[in-house]
Each structure stands twice: as C-alpha cells, then as structure tokens.
N, C-alpha and C. Protein backbone atom coordinates (compact mmCIF):
# COMPACT_ATOMS: atom_id res chain seq x y z
N MET A 1 6.85 23.96 20.09
CA MET A 1 5.68 23.67 20.65
C MET A 1 5.89 23.19 22.07
N SER A 2 5.36 23.87 23.32
CA SER A 2 6.09 23.48 24.15
C SER A 2 4.22 22.80 24.63
N ILE A 3 4.42 21.76 24.68
CA ILE A 3 3.26 20.98 25.21
C ILE A 3 3.69 20.14 26.35
N TYR A 4 2.94 20.71 27.35
CA TYR A 4 3.01 20.73 28.95
C TYR A 4 2.64 19.14 29.38
N TYR A 5 1.71 19.10 29.14
CA TYR A 5 1.12 17.22 29.09
C TYR A 5 -0.10 17.20 27.93
N GLN A 6 -0.04 15.74 27.94
CA GLN A 6 -0.61 15.09 26.86
C GLN A 6 -1.13 13.75 27.17
N ASP A 7 -2.46 12.95 27.21
CA ASP A 7 -2.56 12.07 26.80
C ASP A 7 -3.06 11.97 25.78
N GLU A 8 -4.15 10.72 25.40
CA GLU A 8 -5.33 10.40 24.49
C GLU A 8 -6.44 11.38 24.45
N TRP A 9 -6.84 12.47 25.54
CA TRP A 9 -8.05 12.99 25.17
C TRP A 9 -7.44 14.58 25.32
N VAL A 10 -6.52 15.27 25.96
CA VAL A 10 -6.24 16.33 26.59
C VAL A 10 -4.86 16.56 26.34
N THR A 11 -4.75 17.83 25.58
CA THR A 11 -3.64 18.40 25.43
C THR A 11 -3.40 19.88 26.64
N LEU A 12 -1.95 20.39 26.87
CA LEU A 12 -2.22 20.99 27.74
C LEU A 12 -0.68 21.97 27.17
N TYR A 13 -0.81 23.39 27.10
CA TYR A 13 -0.34 24.11 26.26
C TYR A 13 0.70 24.91 27.14
N HIS A 14 2.06 25.00 27.61
CA HIS A 14 2.49 26.35 28.57
C HIS A 14 2.92 27.24 27.48
N GLY A 15 1.99 28.29 27.67
CA GLY A 15 2.55 29.33 27.25
C GLY A 15 1.19 30.86 27.17
N ASP A 16 1.29 31.70 26.28
CA ASP A 16 0.59 32.66 26.16
C ASP A 16 -0.53 32.07 25.41
N CYS A 17 -1.99 32.35 25.32
CA CYS A 17 -3.13 31.78 24.36
C CYS A 17 -3.47 32.94 23.35
N LEU A 18 -3.10 33.74 23.77
CA LEU A 18 -3.14 35.12 22.82
C LEU A 18 -2.21 35.49 21.93
N THR A 19 -0.89 35.22 22.03
CA THR A 19 0.29 35.25 21.15
C THR A 19 0.85 33.94 20.72
N GLU A 20 0.99 33.10 21.62
CA GLU A 20 2.33 31.60 21.45
C GLU A 20 1.39 30.83 20.92
N HIS A 21 0.08 30.42 21.40
CA HIS A 21 -0.61 29.14 21.47
C HIS A 21 -1.52 29.19 21.10
N ARG A 22 -1.90 29.49 19.52
CA ARG A 22 -3.46 29.59 19.38
C ARG A 22 -3.82 28.57 19.14
N GLU A 23 -3.43 26.94 19.07
CA GLU A 23 -4.29 26.04 18.91
C GLU A 23 -5.54 25.92 19.44
N TRP A 24 -6.20 26.11 20.44
CA TRP A 24 -7.20 26.27 21.00
C TRP A 24 -8.51 26.59 19.85
N LEU A 25 -8.15 27.43 19.34
CA LEU A 25 -8.89 28.19 18.12
C LEU A 25 -9.66 27.11 17.06
N ASP A 26 -8.75 25.62 17.22
CA ASP A 26 -9.15 24.94 16.12
C ASP A 26 -10.29 24.04 16.62
N ALA A 27 -10.54 24.34 18.29
CA ALA A 27 -11.17 23.77 18.96
C ALA A 27 -13.48 23.92 18.61
N ASP A 28 -14.05 23.20 19.22
CA ASP A 28 -15.18 23.40 18.83
C ASP A 28 -16.36 24.38 19.67
N VAL A 29 -15.76 23.79 21.14
CA VAL A 29 -16.52 24.70 22.31
C VAL A 29 -15.44 25.35 23.35
N LEU A 30 -15.76 26.27 23.32
CA LEU A 30 -14.70 27.21 24.45
C LEU A 30 -15.73 27.24 25.69
N VAL A 31 -14.69 26.78 26.47
CA VAL A 31 -15.10 26.69 28.37
C VAL A 31 -14.30 26.82 28.79
N THR A 32 -14.38 28.51 29.35
CA THR A 32 -13.35 28.91 30.43
C THR A 32 -13.22 29.51 31.65
N ASP A 33 -12.49 29.97 32.47
CA ASP A 33 -12.30 30.62 33.55
C ASP A 33 -11.63 31.61 33.08
N PRO A 34 -11.90 32.72 32.64
CA PRO A 34 -10.49 33.60 32.36
C PRO A 34 -9.94 34.88 33.44
N PRO A 35 -9.15 35.29 33.57
CA PRO A 35 -9.05 36.49 34.76
C PRO A 35 -10.21 37.36 34.73
N TYR A 36 -10.76 37.53 35.84
CA TYR A 36 -12.27 38.61 35.89
C TYR A 36 -11.99 39.87 36.13
N GLY A 37 -10.65 40.51 36.22
CA GLY A 37 -10.79 42.13 36.00
C GLY A 37 -10.49 42.72 37.38
N ILE A 38 -10.78 41.64 38.31
CA ILE A 38 -11.24 42.04 39.62
C ILE A 38 -9.54 42.28 40.82
N ASN A 39 -8.08 42.26 40.04
CA ASN A 39 -7.64 42.39 41.10
C ASN A 39 -7.40 41.33 42.21
N TYR A 40 -7.72 39.95 41.75
CA TYR A 40 -8.33 39.33 43.24
C TYR A 40 -6.69 38.32 43.79
N ARG A 41 -6.76 38.68 45.27
CA ARG A 41 -5.58 38.12 45.46
C ARG A 41 -6.17 37.26 46.55
N SER A 42 -5.67 35.96 46.88
CA SER A 42 -5.74 34.91 47.64
C SER A 42 -5.54 35.49 49.16
N GLY A 43 -6.93 34.85 49.77
CA GLY A 43 -6.36 34.57 51.25
C GLY A 43 -6.27 33.46 51.68
N GLY A 44 -6.81 31.94 50.84
CA GLY A 44 -6.91 30.99 51.19
C GLY A 44 -5.66 30.24 51.72
N MET A 45 -6.15 28.93 52.70
CA MET A 45 -5.69 28.25 53.25
C MET A 45 -4.64 27.10 52.13
N SER A 46 -3.32 27.08 52.74
CA SER A 46 -3.36 25.99 52.08
C SER A 46 -2.44 24.88 53.04
N ASN A 47 -2.60 23.53 52.18
CA ASN A 47 -2.13 22.34 53.23
C ASN A 47 -0.87 22.13 53.42
N ALA A 48 -0.07 21.05 53.34
CA ALA A 48 1.21 21.09 54.04
C ALA A 48 1.93 20.95 52.86
N THR A 49 1.28 20.39 51.99
CA THR A 49 2.08 19.80 50.49
C THR A 49 1.89 20.64 49.32
N VAL A 50 0.93 21.60 48.93
CA VAL A 50 0.53 22.39 48.39
C VAL A 50 0.57 23.62 48.39
N PRO A 51 1.49 24.72 47.86
CA PRO A 51 1.71 25.65 47.98
C PRO A 51 0.30 26.59 47.30
N ILE A 52 -0.26 27.73 47.70
CA ILE A 52 -0.85 28.27 46.80
C ILE A 52 -0.14 29.37 46.23
N VAL A 53 -0.53 29.87 44.59
CA VAL A 53 0.12 30.80 44.40
C VAL A 53 -1.29 31.77 44.04
N ALA A 54 -0.91 33.04 44.88
CA ALA A 54 -1.55 33.92 45.18
C ALA A 54 -2.65 34.59 44.26
N ALA A 55 -1.95 34.99 43.32
CA ALA A 55 -2.68 36.25 42.29
C ALA A 55 -2.94 35.10 41.22
N ILE A 56 -3.65 35.97 40.47
CA ILE A 56 -4.05 35.50 38.89
C ILE A 56 -3.36 36.99 38.04
N LYS A 57 -2.76 36.07 37.10
CA LYS A 57 -2.17 36.83 35.77
C LYS A 57 -2.78 37.45 35.00
N ARG A 58 -2.78 39.08 34.71
CA ARG A 58 -3.69 39.28 33.56
C ARG A 58 -4.81 40.03 34.82
N ASP A 59 -5.29 39.83 35.77
CA ASP A 59 -6.39 40.22 36.49
C ASP A 59 -6.64 41.61 36.66
N ASP A 60 -5.69 42.40 36.16
CA ASP A 60 -6.42 43.83 36.62
C ASP A 60 -7.26 44.41 35.81
N SER A 61 -8.12 43.96 34.51
CA SER A 61 -8.34 44.27 33.86
C SER A 61 -9.23 43.14 32.71
N THR A 62 -10.48 43.05 32.43
CA THR A 62 -10.63 41.87 30.87
C THR A 62 -10.55 42.14 30.21
N VAL A 63 -9.41 42.21 29.56
CA VAL A 63 -8.56 42.76 28.17
C VAL A 63 -8.47 41.39 27.98
N ALA A 64 -7.75 40.64 28.46
CA ALA A 64 -7.54 39.43 27.95
C ALA A 64 -9.14 38.18 27.95
N ARG A 65 -9.83 38.42 29.19
CA ARG A 65 -11.24 38.03 28.62
C ARG A 65 -11.84 38.30 26.92
N ASP A 66 -11.72 39.73 27.01
CA ASP A 66 -12.28 40.04 25.27
C ASP A 66 -11.71 39.86 24.60
N LEU A 67 -10.23 39.67 24.60
CA LEU A 67 -9.42 39.31 23.42
C LEU A 67 -9.81 38.07 22.68
N VAL A 68 -10.04 37.14 24.00
CA VAL A 68 -10.18 35.59 23.68
C VAL A 68 -11.57 35.77 23.07
N ILE A 69 -12.07 36.02 23.71
CA ILE A 69 -13.84 35.79 23.12
C ILE A 69 -13.94 36.54 21.50
N ASP A 70 -13.39 37.88 21.34
CA ASP A 70 -13.22 38.12 19.83
C ASP A 70 -12.10 37.08 19.41
N SER A 71 -11.83 36.95 19.42
CA SER A 71 -10.79 35.81 18.74
C SER A 71 -11.42 34.48 18.37
N TRP A 72 -12.54 34.03 19.11
CA TRP A 72 -13.61 32.67 19.42
C TRP A 72 -14.37 33.02 18.57
N GLY A 73 -14.82 33.95 18.28
CA GLY A 73 -16.06 34.51 17.59
C GLY A 73 -17.40 34.11 17.74
N ARG A 74 -18.48 33.82 16.96
CA ARG A 74 -19.51 33.78 17.53
C ARG A 74 -19.65 32.06 18.04
N GLY A 75 -18.77 31.24 18.15
CA GLY A 75 -19.06 29.87 18.26
C GLY A 75 -19.89 29.55 19.63
N PRO A 76 -20.03 28.62 20.28
CA PRO A 76 -20.43 28.12 21.38
C PRO A 76 -19.41 28.76 22.10
N ALA A 77 -20.09 29.43 23.62
CA ALA A 77 -18.65 29.49 24.72
C ALA A 77 -19.30 29.32 26.19
N ILE A 78 -18.47 28.85 26.74
CA ILE A 78 -19.06 28.93 28.64
C ILE A 78 -18.16 30.15 29.00
N VAL A 79 -18.24 30.77 30.02
CA VAL A 79 -17.14 31.77 29.87
C VAL A 79 -17.30 32.35 31.55
N PHE A 80 -16.55 32.04 32.78
CA PHE A 80 -16.89 32.94 34.17
C PHE A 80 -16.71 34.23 33.97
N GLY A 81 -17.48 34.62 34.82
CA GLY A 81 -17.00 35.81 35.10
C GLY A 81 -17.23 36.53 36.87
N SER A 82 -17.35 37.80 36.80
CA SER A 82 -17.51 38.39 38.17
C SER A 82 -18.79 39.70 37.64
N TRP A 83 -20.07 40.15 38.73
CA TRP A 83 -20.28 40.97 38.88
C TRP A 83 -19.90 42.30 38.82
N ARG A 84 -18.85 42.23 39.24
CA ARG A 84 -18.09 43.15 39.12
C ARG A 84 -17.64 44.36 38.20
N GLN A 85 -17.59 43.30 37.04
CA GLN A 85 -17.13 43.81 36.14
C GLN A 85 -18.22 43.62 34.65
N PRO A 86 -18.24 44.41 33.94
CA PRO A 86 -19.40 44.30 33.03
C PRO A 86 -19.25 42.79 32.03
N ARG A 87 -20.47 42.49 31.63
CA ARG A 87 -20.58 41.28 31.13
C ARG A 87 -19.95 41.28 29.55
N PRO A 88 -19.26 40.29 29.07
CA PRO A 88 -19.32 40.10 27.81
C PRO A 88 -20.31 40.50 26.80
N GLN A 89 -20.12 40.96 25.72
CA GLN A 89 -21.16 41.33 24.85
C GLN A 89 -21.68 39.58 24.00
N ASP A 90 -23.04 40.24 23.76
CA ASP A 90 -23.64 38.87 23.12
C ASP A 90 -24.20 38.16 24.04
N VAL A 91 -24.04 38.04 25.48
CA VAL A 91 -24.42 36.49 26.73
C VAL A 91 -25.86 36.42 26.25
N LYS A 92 -25.75 35.30 25.97
CA LYS A 92 -27.50 34.23 25.48
C LYS A 92 -27.99 34.08 26.57
N ASN A 93 -27.42 33.63 27.98
CA ASN A 93 -27.92 33.12 28.81
C ASN A 93 -27.09 33.79 30.22
N ARG A 94 -27.36 33.98 31.32
CA ARG A 94 -26.56 34.09 32.83
C ARG A 94 -26.88 32.74 33.82
N LEU A 95 -25.55 32.25 33.85
CA LEU A 95 -25.52 31.31 35.35
C LEU A 95 -25.42 31.29 36.43
N ILE A 96 -25.58 31.05 37.38
CA ILE A 96 -25.10 31.54 38.85
C ILE A 96 -24.47 29.92 39.03
N TRP A 97 -23.32 30.16 39.79
CA TRP A 97 -22.53 28.95 40.08
C TRP A 97 -22.83 29.40 41.89
N HIS A 98 -23.87 28.34 42.62
CA HIS A 98 -24.05 29.29 43.77
C HIS A 98 -23.31 27.99 45.35
N LYS A 99 -22.10 28.35 45.92
CA LYS A 99 -21.00 27.91 46.65
C LYS A 99 -21.96 27.86 48.31
N LYS A 100 -22.28 27.02 48.67
CA LYS A 100 -22.94 26.54 49.25
C LYS A 100 -22.61 26.77 50.58
N ASN A 101 -21.33 26.07 51.11
CA ASN A 101 -20.95 25.91 52.03
C ASN A 101 -19.56 27.04 52.05
N ALA A 102 -19.60 28.21 51.27
CA ALA A 102 -18.63 29.41 51.69
C ALA A 102 -17.99 29.97 52.83
N LEU A 103 -16.66 30.32 53.11
CA LEU A 103 -16.77 30.74 54.29
C LEU A 103 -17.02 32.55 53.99
N PRO A 104 -17.18 33.27 55.41
CA PRO A 104 -17.25 34.41 55.45
C PRO A 104 -15.56 34.83 55.35
N GLY A 105 -14.97 34.75 55.67
CA GLY A 105 -13.17 35.02 56.11
C GLY A 105 -13.89 36.47 57.35
N MET A 106 -12.62 37.88 56.87
CA MET A 106 -12.60 38.49 57.46
C MET A 106 -13.63 39.63 57.20
N ARG A 107 -14.70 39.75 57.28
CA ARG A 107 -15.68 40.84 56.61
C ARG A 107 -16.33 42.26 57.54
N SER A 108 -16.04 43.30 56.97
CA SER A 108 -16.25 44.36 57.47
C SER A 108 -17.98 44.67 57.12
N THR A 109 -18.80 43.91 56.88
CA THR A 109 -20.02 44.54 55.92
C THR A 109 -20.81 42.57 56.67
N PRO A 110 -22.03 42.72 56.81
CA PRO A 110 -22.80 41.63 56.89
C PRO A 110 -23.22 40.55 56.21
N TRP A 111 -22.56 40.79 54.65
CA TRP A 111 -22.98 40.23 53.89
C TRP A 111 -21.72 39.77 53.42
N PHE A 112 -21.06 38.58 52.81
CA PHE A 112 -20.37 38.30 51.86
C PHE A 112 -20.56 37.61 50.96
N ALA A 113 -20.06 37.38 49.23
CA ALA A 113 -20.28 37.13 48.01
C ALA A 113 -20.07 35.45 48.13
N ALA A 114 -21.04 34.53 47.60
CA ALA A 114 -20.70 32.93 47.79
C ALA A 114 -21.58 32.49 46.41
N ASP A 115 -21.09 33.56 45.33
CA ASP A 115 -21.45 32.98 44.12
C ASP A 115 -20.60 33.58 42.83
N GLU A 116 -20.67 32.75 41.75
CA GLU A 116 -20.29 33.84 40.44
C GLU A 116 -21.16 33.58 39.21
N GLU A 117 -20.62 34.19 38.30
CA GLU A 117 -21.76 34.40 37.26
C GLU A 117 -21.29 33.11 36.19
N ILE A 118 -21.81 32.72 35.32
CA ILE A 118 -21.51 31.85 34.13
C ILE A 118 -22.19 32.83 32.81
N TYR A 119 -21.13 32.92 31.39
CA TYR A 119 -21.87 33.43 30.61
C TYR A 119 -21.78 32.55 29.81
N ILE A 120 -22.76 32.91 28.92
CA ILE A 120 -23.18 31.80 27.94
C ILE A 120 -23.57 32.07 26.32
N LEU A 121 -22.49 31.55 25.37
CA LEU A 121 -22.33 32.78 24.25
C LEU A 121 -22.82 31.84 22.91
N GLY A 122 -23.45 32.11 21.90
CA GLY A 122 -23.17 31.40 21.32
C GLY A 122 -24.55 30.05 21.26
N SER A 123 -24.57 29.10 20.02
CA SER A 123 -25.57 28.41 20.13
C SER A 123 -25.08 26.94 20.02
N GLY A 124 -26.21 25.96 20.17
CA GLY A 124 -26.38 24.89 19.77
C GLY A 124 -26.15 23.67 21.54
N TRP A 125 -26.15 24.32 22.22
CA TRP A 125 -26.16 23.51 23.66
C TRP A 125 -27.60 22.89 23.59
N THR A 126 -26.95 21.24 24.31
CA THR A 126 -27.51 19.62 24.30
C THR A 126 -28.46 19.69 25.58
N GLY A 127 -29.45 18.64 25.60
CA GLY A 127 -29.86 18.58 27.05
C GLY A 127 -31.05 18.90 27.00
N PRO A 128 -32.07 18.15 28.58
CA PRO A 128 -33.07 19.04 28.88
C PRO A 128 -32.60 20.57 29.80
N PRO A 129 -33.73 21.12 29.26
CA PRO A 129 -33.91 22.20 30.45
C PRO A 129 -33.62 22.07 31.84
N ARG A 130 -32.87 22.76 32.48
CA ARG A 130 -32.79 23.16 33.51
C ARG A 130 -32.70 24.40 34.26
N GLN A 131 -32.79 24.87 35.91
CA GLN A 131 -32.81 26.10 36.05
C GLN A 131 -31.16 26.41 36.18
N GLY A 132 -30.90 27.78 36.08
CA GLY A 132 -29.51 28.52 35.76
C GLY A 132 -28.79 28.52 36.63
N VAL A 133 -28.91 28.02 38.16
CA VAL A 133 -28.09 27.89 39.51
C VAL A 133 -27.40 26.42 39.50
N TYR A 134 -26.39 26.63 39.30
CA TYR A 134 -25.49 25.34 40.05
C TYR A 134 -24.93 25.60 41.32
N ALA A 135 -25.76 24.71 41.94
CA ALA A 135 -25.07 25.03 43.62
C ALA A 135 -24.18 23.87 44.09
N THR A 136 -23.16 24.21 44.56
CA THR A 136 -22.10 22.75 44.50
C THR A 136 -21.44 22.94 46.68
N ASP A 137 -21.91 21.98 47.20
CA ASP A 137 -21.81 21.37 48.68
C ASP A 137 -20.27 21.82 49.21
N GLY A 138 -19.24 21.26 48.23
CA GLY A 138 -18.19 21.25 48.57
C GLY A 138 -17.34 22.83 48.56
N ARG A 139 -16.87 22.07 49.73
CA ARG A 139 -15.82 23.86 50.33
C ARG A 139 -14.63 23.97 49.93
N GLN A 140 -14.80 25.17 49.60
CA GLN A 140 -13.61 25.75 48.69
C GLN A 140 -12.66 26.30 49.49
N ASP A 141 -12.56 27.12 50.39
CA ASP A 141 -12.24 27.84 51.36
C ASP A 141 -11.43 26.67 52.56
N GLY A 142 -10.86 27.51 53.48
CA GLY A 142 -10.70 26.31 54.63
C GLY A 142 -9.69 25.53 54.15
N ALA A 143 -8.93 24.72 55.42
CA ALA A 143 -7.46 23.89 55.38
C ALA A 143 -8.26 22.48 54.66
N HIS A 144 -9.33 22.49 54.41
CA HIS A 144 -9.96 21.12 53.78
C HIS A 144 -9.90 21.44 52.41
N GLY A 145 -10.71 23.04 51.93
CA GLY A 145 -11.32 23.02 50.86
C GLY A 145 -10.27 22.76 49.76
N LEU A 146 -10.63 22.84 48.65
CA LEU A 146 -10.08 22.34 47.28
C LEU A 146 -9.54 23.65 46.52
N VAL A 147 -9.38 24.96 47.47
CA VAL A 147 -8.43 25.78 47.17
C VAL A 147 -6.87 25.31 47.87
N ALA A 148 -7.20 24.56 48.79
CA ALA A 148 -5.51 23.72 49.95
C ALA A 148 -5.28 22.88 49.13
N GLN A 149 -6.32 21.89 48.61
CA GLN A 149 -6.20 20.29 47.80
C GLN A 149 -5.53 20.67 46.52
N THR A 150 -5.81 21.77 45.62
CA THR A 150 -4.95 22.05 44.44
C THR A 150 -3.67 22.69 44.62
N GLY A 151 -4.10 24.15 45.62
CA GLY A 151 -2.97 24.94 45.26
C GLY A 151 -3.41 26.02 44.17
N HIS A 152 -4.36 26.46 44.28
CA HIS A 152 -4.52 27.50 43.16
C HIS A 152 -5.87 27.95 43.96
N PRO A 153 -5.39 29.26 43.65
CA PRO A 153 -6.80 30.41 44.72
C PRO A 153 -8.07 30.26 44.07
N THR A 154 -8.28 29.59 42.83
CA THR A 154 -9.60 30.12 42.22
C THR A 154 -10.17 28.74 41.23
N PRO A 155 -9.99 27.08 42.31
CA PRO A 155 -10.26 26.31 40.92
C PRO A 155 -11.94 26.33 41.19
N LYS A 156 -11.89 25.59 40.02
CA LYS A 156 -13.75 25.60 39.78
C LYS A 156 -13.81 24.32 40.32
N PRO A 157 -14.80 23.40 40.89
CA PRO A 157 -15.00 22.02 41.30
C PRO A 157 -15.15 21.47 39.79
N VAL A 158 -14.54 19.90 39.53
CA VAL A 158 -14.53 19.03 38.53
C VAL A 158 -15.92 18.61 38.32
N GLY A 159 -17.05 18.49 38.97
CA GLY A 159 -18.43 18.13 38.97
C GLY A 159 -18.98 19.28 38.82
N LEU A 160 -19.07 20.67 38.70
CA LEU A 160 -19.75 21.97 38.15
C LEU A 160 -19.02 21.88 36.91
N MET A 161 -18.05 21.69 36.54
CA MET A 161 -17.76 21.36 35.03
C MET A 161 -18.23 20.26 34.17
N SER A 162 -18.12 19.53 35.18
CA SER A 162 -18.48 18.29 34.43
C SER A 162 -20.12 18.26 33.67
N GLU A 163 -20.54 18.79 34.70
CA GLU A 163 -22.72 19.22 34.45
C GLU A 163 -22.18 20.34 33.02
N LEU A 164 -21.90 21.14 33.38
CA LEU A 164 -21.45 22.54 32.05
C LEU A 164 -21.02 21.69 30.38
N VAL A 165 -20.11 21.02 30.68
CA VAL A 165 -19.20 20.57 29.67
C VAL A 165 -20.45 19.39 28.82
N ALA A 166 -21.05 18.92 29.51
CA ALA A 166 -22.12 17.93 29.47
C ALA A 166 -23.32 17.86 28.46
N LYS A 167 -23.69 19.78 28.62
CA LYS A 167 -23.97 20.69 27.45
C LYS A 167 -23.97 21.35 26.53
N CYS A 168 -22.44 20.93 26.48
CA CYS A 168 -21.92 21.59 25.11
C CYS A 168 -22.02 21.01 23.98
N PRO A 169 -22.19 21.33 22.61
CA PRO A 169 -22.44 20.76 21.48
C PRO A 169 -21.17 19.62 21.32
N PRO A 170 -21.29 18.64 20.53
CA PRO A 170 -20.09 17.96 19.83
C PRO A 170 -18.92 18.70 19.57
N GLY A 171 -17.53 17.48 19.56
CA GLY A 171 -16.78 18.44 19.36
C GLY A 171 -15.64 18.50 20.77
N VAL A 172 -14.20 19.06 19.92
CA VAL A 172 -13.22 19.67 20.95
C VAL A 172 -13.31 20.59 21.84
N ILE A 173 -13.28 20.52 23.30
CA ILE A 173 -13.53 21.53 24.20
C ILE A 173 -11.82 22.49 24.41
N ALA A 174 -12.40 23.89 24.52
CA ALA A 174 -10.69 24.68 24.75
C ALA A 174 -11.10 25.36 25.64
N ASP A 175 -10.11 25.29 26.49
CA ASP A 175 -9.88 25.89 27.99
C ASP A 175 -8.73 27.16 27.69
N PRO A 176 -8.87 28.20 26.99
CA PRO A 176 -7.17 28.88 26.71
C PRO A 176 -7.26 29.52 28.12
N PHE A 177 -7.59 29.41 29.21
CA PHE A 177 -6.99 29.84 30.31
C PHE A 177 -7.26 28.46 31.55
N ALA A 178 -6.57 27.77 31.50
CA ALA A 178 -6.72 26.30 32.11
C ALA A 178 -6.53 26.50 33.45
N GLY A 179 -5.73 27.57 34.12
CA GLY A 179 -5.77 27.22 35.48
C GLY A 179 -5.37 25.93 36.54
N SER A 180 -6.07 25.34 37.13
CA SER A 180 -5.83 24.30 37.80
C SER A 180 -6.09 22.94 37.24
N GLY A 181 -6.98 22.98 35.88
CA GLY A 181 -7.36 22.04 35.15
C GLY A 181 -8.55 20.92 35.10
N SER A 182 -9.21 21.99 36.08
CA SER A 182 -10.57 21.43 35.90
C SER A 182 -11.57 21.14 34.76
N THR A 183 -11.90 22.19 33.99
CA THR A 183 -12.52 22.28 32.76
C THR A 183 -11.62 20.77 31.58
N LEU A 184 -10.20 20.41 31.83
CA LEU A 184 -9.83 19.57 30.93
C LEU A 184 -10.06 18.33 31.82
N ILE A 185 -9.89 18.07 32.94
CA ILE A 185 -10.24 16.66 33.88
C ILE A 185 -11.84 16.73 32.98
N ALA A 186 -12.34 17.46 33.58
CA ALA A 186 -14.13 17.28 33.14
C ALA A 186 -14.34 16.65 31.76
N ALA A 187 -13.59 17.35 30.54
CA ALA A 187 -13.68 16.90 29.35
C ALA A 187 -13.22 15.23 28.98
N LYS A 188 -12.23 14.87 29.80
CA LYS A 188 -11.53 14.06 29.80
C LYS A 188 -12.89 12.72 30.70
N ILE A 189 -13.21 13.47 32.03
CA ILE A 189 -14.12 11.99 32.42
C ILE A 189 -15.47 11.88 31.27
N LEU A 190 -15.83 12.82 30.50
CA LEU A 190 -16.90 12.51 29.30
C LEU A 190 -16.57 12.31 28.44
N GLY A 191 -15.51 12.03 28.29
CA GLY A 191 -14.67 11.02 26.84
C GLY A 191 -14.86 12.54 25.81
N ARG A 192 -14.19 13.33 26.20
CA ARG A 192 -14.39 14.58 25.33
C ARG A 192 -12.57 14.85 25.23
N ARG A 193 -12.58 15.39 24.19
CA ARG A 193 -10.96 15.74 23.51
C ARG A 193 -11.14 17.02 23.86
N ALA A 194 -9.61 17.64 24.61
CA ALA A 194 -10.17 18.74 25.16
C ALA A 194 -8.60 19.23 24.76
N ILE A 195 -8.34 20.70 24.65
CA ILE A 195 -7.36 21.63 24.45
C ILE A 195 -7.07 22.74 25.48
N GLY A 196 -5.70 22.60 25.87
CA GLY A 196 -5.75 23.91 27.07
C GLY A 196 -4.34 24.69 27.29
N VAL A 197 -4.30 25.53 27.73
CA VAL A 197 -3.22 26.59 27.64
C VAL A 197 -3.35 27.33 28.62
N GLU A 198 -2.04 27.55 29.47
CA GLU A 198 -1.87 28.25 30.78
C GLU A 198 -0.69 28.84 30.65
N LEU A 199 -1.02 30.51 31.02
CA LEU A 199 0.11 30.74 31.07
C LEU A 199 1.43 30.95 32.28
N ASP A 200 0.75 30.23 33.34
CA ASP A 200 1.75 30.29 34.27
C ASP A 200 2.10 28.84 34.47
N GLU A 201 3.28 28.35 34.47
CA GLU A 201 3.72 27.43 34.83
C GLU A 201 3.78 26.45 36.10
N ALA A 202 3.40 27.40 36.93
CA ALA A 202 3.01 26.60 38.51
C ALA A 202 1.44 25.91 38.20
N TYR A 203 0.66 27.10 37.67
CA TYR A 203 -0.80 26.00 37.54
C TYR A 203 -0.62 24.80 36.64
N CYS A 204 0.55 25.40 35.57
CA CYS A 204 0.69 23.76 34.29
C CYS A 204 1.07 22.64 35.11
N GLU A 205 1.16 22.60 36.25
CA GLU A 205 1.98 21.52 37.20
C GLU A 205 0.65 20.96 37.48
N ILE A 206 0.30 21.78 38.75
CA ILE A 206 -0.73 21.71 39.27
C ILE A 206 -2.12 20.94 38.37
N ALA A 207 -2.26 21.46 37.12
CA ALA A 207 -3.20 20.76 36.66
C ALA A 207 -2.72 19.17 35.50
N ALA A 208 -1.28 19.32 35.39
CA ALA A 208 -0.57 18.28 34.65
C ALA A 208 -1.23 16.96 35.75
N LYS A 209 -0.73 17.09 37.53
CA LYS A 209 -0.98 16.55 38.40
C LYS A 209 -2.09 15.77 38.17
N ARG A 210 -2.95 16.97 38.35
CA ARG A 210 -4.40 16.47 38.56
C ARG A 210 -4.88 15.34 37.03
N LEU A 211 -4.59 16.21 36.42
CA LEU A 211 -5.26 15.12 35.26
C LEU A 211 -4.27 13.38 34.63
N ALA A 212 -2.67 13.53 35.47
CA ALA A 212 -2.35 12.43 35.65
C ALA A 212 -3.15 11.33 36.51
N GLN A 213 -3.58 11.69 37.44
CA GLN A 213 -4.89 11.11 38.01
C GLN A 213 -5.88 10.25 37.82
N GLY A 214 -6.13 10.55 36.67
CA GLY A 214 -7.31 9.98 35.56
C GLY A 214 -8.22 10.62 36.17
N VAL A 215 -9.11 10.07 35.55
CA VAL A 215 -10.83 10.12 35.88
C VAL A 215 -11.34 10.63 37.58
N LEU A 216 -10.52 9.63 38.03
CA LEU A 216 -11.31 9.48 39.56
C LEU A 216 -10.20 11.02 40.40
N ASP A 217 -10.69 12.30 39.87
CA ASP A 217 -9.94 13.19 40.59
C ASP A 217 -10.77 13.67 41.42
N LEU A 218 -9.44 13.99 42.82
CA LEU A 218 -10.25 14.21 44.31
C LEU A 218 -11.01 15.54 44.49
N GLY A 219 -11.28 15.95 43.33
CA GLY A 219 -12.12 17.43 43.64
C GLY A 219 -13.39 17.27 42.44
N ALA A 220 -13.58 16.16 42.17
CA ALA A 220 -14.54 16.14 41.49
C ALA A 220 -15.81 16.48 42.11
N ASN A 221 -16.37 16.18 43.25
CA ASN A 221 -17.74 16.71 43.88
C ASN A 221 -17.68 17.75 44.82
N ALA A 222 -16.08 18.64 44.71
CA ALA A 222 -15.31 19.72 45.90
C ALA A 222 -16.75 20.98 45.20
C-alpha cells in the first residue's frame, strides 16, 4: 500500500485508481475532476517557488473517466467535465462553474471559455434548492492565480468544492483523480472523511502540502 499522505480525515494514495488502488470504491460519494479528454496543456504562469506540471495524464480521451464511473456504478457522483466531449451517461443534472475573472490569454476569436461543466449522477443529494451556476471571483490564471499558487494546471477552488461536498449524502468522499487535493481539503474542512488516489507523484506532493496546512488553505476562496 503506497499511502502518500494520511491524517484523521484524509487518506491519499499514490498510484493508479484503475488498477493499483481500489480503496476509493469503499467510499459513499464520488466527487472528482477526471481527465476531460481534451489534451489540455497549461499556459499558466508559475510563481518562483512552485513549478507547474503542464500536462494531465490520460487526457487524450474520456476512457479513464468512463471506467471510473462504470466501476462506481449508480451511486451518487459529482464529476467535472468539458462541453468538448460527450457527457457521461445517466446525468441527472448539469451544473456550471463560472470563472468570473478568467483571463482571455492569446485568442484568435472574440470569445473565450470561462466555465466548466459539472455532472450530477445518482441520488441522495441534500440541502435547499439553488440555481446550478456556481460563480467564483478568484483568479485561476496569472502570476497570483490559483494555478501559480498550487503548481497544478487545473486546480479547483476549495470554496467551490466545499459548496458541492456540502450537498453530498452522508459518508466518505472518494476522489480517484485527486490532483491538487481541493476535494480532499474541502471534505476535511467540512469534517468528512475522504479517500483520494493520484497517479502523478508531483500532484501528490502538491496535495499533501496543501492538506498539511490544515483547514486554512490558501485556495479556499480562489
């Protein structure tokens, strides 16, 4: 067992969620940001202390995403994705993450994307109803954005993940594509146990450092 990080709330494994570490399947709710299948390459800036790992492994297709969802079955799941690829099957709701302060970068068209899709599968969700658009003010890109802070090319704001986890049914949260650890941090903030798996050791290191900071994570409102 290659446990990379562990505390009273979170266990993070370094390895392959599809073959090596299947412990995440013992959890109760799936909340994950899988490879979107869009061959993403980061153009984000890095600060002086955190190098950005530019590529997302297995991002050449949605195969890894779909295998994880198939393994999970019909349990409650929150899965991030892109409109550029087909949605998973049996999506119950589609939410939108709106990045209000997204930067245009180098564009050849007068429009640029400032949102991502969030797919809701299964049942058991809790809390009062609300609109399905989650808007965040914090900047992702730029010298002081969350990408530069974490060193991960596609980090999710902890504040956003906390709002999503707060809607989850009771039990342990699973994130088999743990990335920079935002889902695990959000679960810890809310007093939820969580199990994460991450294939890339560089991302494990990022997640472990953030988790070790405790609940006062710098990216909480980013």
